[in-house]
Amino acid sequence: MFAIAGTVFVAFILVYAFLAGSVLYHLRQYTLPGWNAARIIVPIFFILSAIFLAFATYFFFTVPWEKF
């Protein structure tokens, strides 16, 4: 069961990374010329994403897979 769940977890992370990259690309590409908030939003987004990824990974590995 762990192998299946691990595969789905990694696939979810890869899809999230692709979609997040797309959002960040479009945020940087199509911002208004005088709008500097994109420089602040991108690092905050990366930090929050890393925190949530760490939580997800921690809780994924705390599941008692041997009981399934």
Protein backbone atom coordinates (compact mmCIF):
# COMPACT_ATOMS: atom_id res chain seq x y z
CA MET A 1 0.00 0.00 0.00
CA PHE A 2 2.90 2.35 0.74
CA ALA A 3 4.22 2.04 -2.82
CA ILE A 4 0.87 3.02 -4.34
CA ALA A 5 0.36 5.89 -1.91
CA GLY A 6 3.95 7.07 -2.41
CA THR A 7 3.50 7.09 -6.17
CA VAL A 8 0.28 9.10 -5.88
CA PHE A 9 1.94 11.47 -3.39
CA VAL A 10 4.91 12.12 -5.69
CA ALA A 11 2.56 12.58 -8.68
CA PHE A 12 0.53 15.09 -6.67
CA ILE A 13 3.69 17.02 -5.75
CA LEU A 14 4.84 17.07 -9.38
CA VAL A 15 1.47 18.33 -10.63
CA TYR A 16 1.47 20.97 -7.90
CA ALA A 17 4.99 22.07 -8.86
CA PHE A 18 3.97 22.39 -12.51
CA LEU A 19 0.84 24.41 -11.71
CA ALA A 20 2.64 26.60 -9.17
CA GLY A 21 5.40 27.29 -11.68
CA SER A 22 2.81 28.26 -14.23
CA VAL A 23 1.11 30.64 -11.83
CA LEU A 24 4.41 32.24 -10.80
CA TYR A 25 5.52 32.58 -14.42
CA HIS A 26 2.32 34.37 -15.37
CA LEU A 27 2.47 36.52 -12.25
CA ARG A 28 5.97 37.71 -13.17
CA GLN A 29 5.28 37.97 -16.90
CA TYR A 30 2.00 39.88 -16.85
CA THR A 31 2.25 42.26 -13.90
CA LEU A 32 1.68 45.95 -14.31
CA PRO A 33 4.88 47.96 -14.86
CA GLY A 34 4.67 49.92 -11.61
CA TRP A 35 3.46 47.04 -9.45
CA ASN A 36 6.34 45.75 -7.32
CA ALA A 37 4.34 43.37 -5.13
CA ALA A 38 5.30 40.43 -7.39
CA ARG A 39 8.81 40.61 -5.94
CA ILE A 40 7.33 40.12 -2.48
CA ILE A 41 4.72 37.52 -3.38
CA VAL A 42 7.08 35.04 -5.08
CA PRO A 43 9.41 34.44 -2.08
CA ILE A 44 6.44 34.27 0.29
CA PHE A 45 4.80 31.71 -2.00
CA PHE A 46 8.00 29.61 -2.08
CA ILE A 47 8.38 29.74 1.70
CA LEU A 48 4.76 28.79 2.34
CA SER A 49 4.93 26.02 -0.26
CA ALA A 50 8.05 24.60 1.38
CA ILE A 51 6.39 24.67 4.80
CA PHE A 52 3.27 22.92 3.53
CA LEU A 53 5.37 20.39 1.61
CA ALA A 54 7.28 19.63 4.81
CA PHE A 55 3.98 19.15 6.68
CA ALA A 56 2.60 16.91 3.95
CA THR A 57 5.75 14.80 3.86
CA TYR A 58 5.84 14.49 7.65
CA PHE A 59 2.21 13.44 7.90
CA PHE A 60 2.56 11.09 4.93
CA PHE A 61 5.35 9.19 6.68
CA THR A 62 3.49 9.09 10.03
CA VAL A 63 0.62 7.08 8.54
CA PRO A 64 0.79 3.50 9.85
CA TRP A 65 1.08 1.86 6.43
CA GLU A 66 1.67 -1.62 7.83
CA LYS A 67 -1.92 -1.70 9.14
CA PHE A 68 -3.44 -1.35 5.67
